[in-house]
């Protein structure tokens, strides 16, 4: 028998250490770039609602997949829509 205890045995090269790893998430693409939208209108509430949580928080670009330029424009549009009461500041 081997002199090593079962807990101290080395794993073969490439064996998993902890949780199993799946495939990597595919990078999301900016929906504004795909649709070739140059200006994000604050009056387009349906499009802006996709970028806001049900609590009223603006989602991060990592979660929505928007690029830096469109995320900045969307944030400005959401804030304008909030001031004009088209979007809520907070959830009810």
Protein backbone atom coordinates (compact mmCIF):
# COMPACT_ATOMS: atom_id res chain seq x y z
CA UNK A 1 0.00 0.00 0.00
CA UNK A 2 1.03 3.57 -0.41
CA UNK A 3 2.39 5.52 2.50
CA UNK A 4 0.32 8.61 1.73
CA UNK A 5 -3.05 9.16 3.33
CA UNK A 6 -6.04 9.40 0.94
CA UNK A 7 -6.45 13.13 1.65
CA UNK A 8 -2.85 13.88 0.68
CA UNK A 9 -2.81 12.12 -2.67
CA UNK A 10 -2.06 14.42 -5.55
CA UNK A 11 -4.60 14.81 -8.25
CA UNK A 12 -3.63 14.10 -11.82
CA UNK A 13 -2.74 17.10 -13.96
CA UNK A 14 -5.86 18.90 -15.15
CA UNK A 15 -8.26 17.43 -12.58
CA UNK A 16 -10.71 19.84 -11.05
CA UNK A 17 -9.92 21.25 -7.64
CA UNK A 18 -13.33 22.45 -6.53
CA UNK A 19 -16.53 23.28 -8.29
CA UNK A 20 -16.90 22.08 -11.87
CA UNK A 21 -16.26 24.68 -14.51
CA UNK A 22 -18.64 25.21 -17.35
CA UNK A 23 -18.21 27.10 -20.54
CA UNK A 24 -17.45 30.78 -20.39
CA UNK A 25 -20.31 33.19 -20.87
CA UNK A 26 -20.41 34.66 -24.35
CA UNK A 27 -19.84 38.40 -24.38
CA UNK A 28 -23.06 40.32 -24.84
CA UNK A 29 -23.25 42.75 -27.71
CA UNK A 30 -24.60 46.26 -27.48
CA UNK A 31 -28.21 46.26 -28.69
CA UNK A 32 -27.89 49.91 -29.68
CA UNK A 33 -24.86 49.20 -31.88
CA UNK A 34 -26.58 46.19 -33.48
CA UNK A 35 -29.64 48.26 -34.36
CA UNK A 36 -27.39 51.18 -35.42
CA UNK A 37 -29.07 53.64 -33.06
CA UNK A 38 -27.04 56.85 -32.83
CA UNK A 39 -29.23 58.81 -30.40
CA UNK A 40 -31.00 57.39 -27.36
CA UNK A 41 -34.21 59.31 -26.85
CA UNK A 42 -35.47 59.93 -23.32
CA UNK A 43 -39.04 59.63 -24.60
CA UNK A 44 -38.47 56.02 -25.71
CA UNK A 45 -39.58 54.61 -22.36
CA UNK A 46 -39.97 51.01 -23.57
CA UNK A 47 -36.29 50.83 -24.55
CA UNK A 48 -35.14 52.55 -21.36
CA UNK A 49 -37.15 50.20 -19.12
CA UNK A 50 -34.93 47.32 -20.27
CA UNK A 51 -31.94 49.15 -18.75
CA UNK A 52 -33.59 49.73 -15.34
CA UNK A 53 -34.35 47.19 -12.60
CA UNK A 54 -37.83 46.75 -11.16
CA UNK A 55 -36.60 48.80 -8.19
CA UNK A 56 -35.63 51.70 -10.47
CA UNK A 57 -31.84 51.27 -10.46
CA UNK A 58 -29.87 51.67 -13.66
CA UNK A 59 -28.35 48.34 -14.66
CA UNK A 60 -24.60 48.10 -15.23
CA UNK A 61 -23.30 47.76 -18.75
CA UNK A 62 -21.85 44.37 -17.81
CA UNK A 63 -25.37 43.10 -17.13
CA UNK A 64 -27.04 44.67 -20.17
CA UNK A 65 -24.17 44.34 -22.63
CA UNK A 66 -24.24 47.97 -23.75
CA UNK A 67 -21.01 49.60 -24.84
CA UNK A 68 -19.46 52.51 -22.96
CA UNK A 69 -20.76 55.21 -25.30
CA UNK A 70 -24.34 53.98 -25.29
CA UNK A 71 -24.31 53.30 -21.55
CA UNK A 72 -23.42 56.93 -20.90
CA UNK A 73 -26.13 58.14 -23.28
CA UNK A 74 -28.70 55.75 -21.78
CA UNK A 75 -27.88 56.93 -18.26
CA UNK A 76 -28.45 60.54 -19.29
CA UNK A 77 -31.72 59.60 -21.03
CA UNK A 78 -32.95 57.65 -17.99
CA UNK A 79 -32.20 60.59 -15.69
CA UNK A 80 -34.04 62.99 -18.01
CA UNK A 81 -37.00 60.63 -18.21
CA UNK A 82 -37.08 60.45 -14.41
CA UNK A 83 -37.19 64.22 -14.08
CA UNK A 84 -40.09 64.38 -16.53
CA UNK A 85 -41.89 61.58 -14.62
CA UNK A 86 -41.72 59.16 -17.55
CA UNK A 87 -39.75 56.70 -15.42
CA UNK A 88 -39.99 56.26 -11.65
CA UNK A 89 -37.09 57.16 -9.37
CA UNK A 90 -37.94 54.20 -7.11
CA UNK A 91 -40.40 51.31 -7.15
CA UNK A 92 -43.72 51.55 -5.37
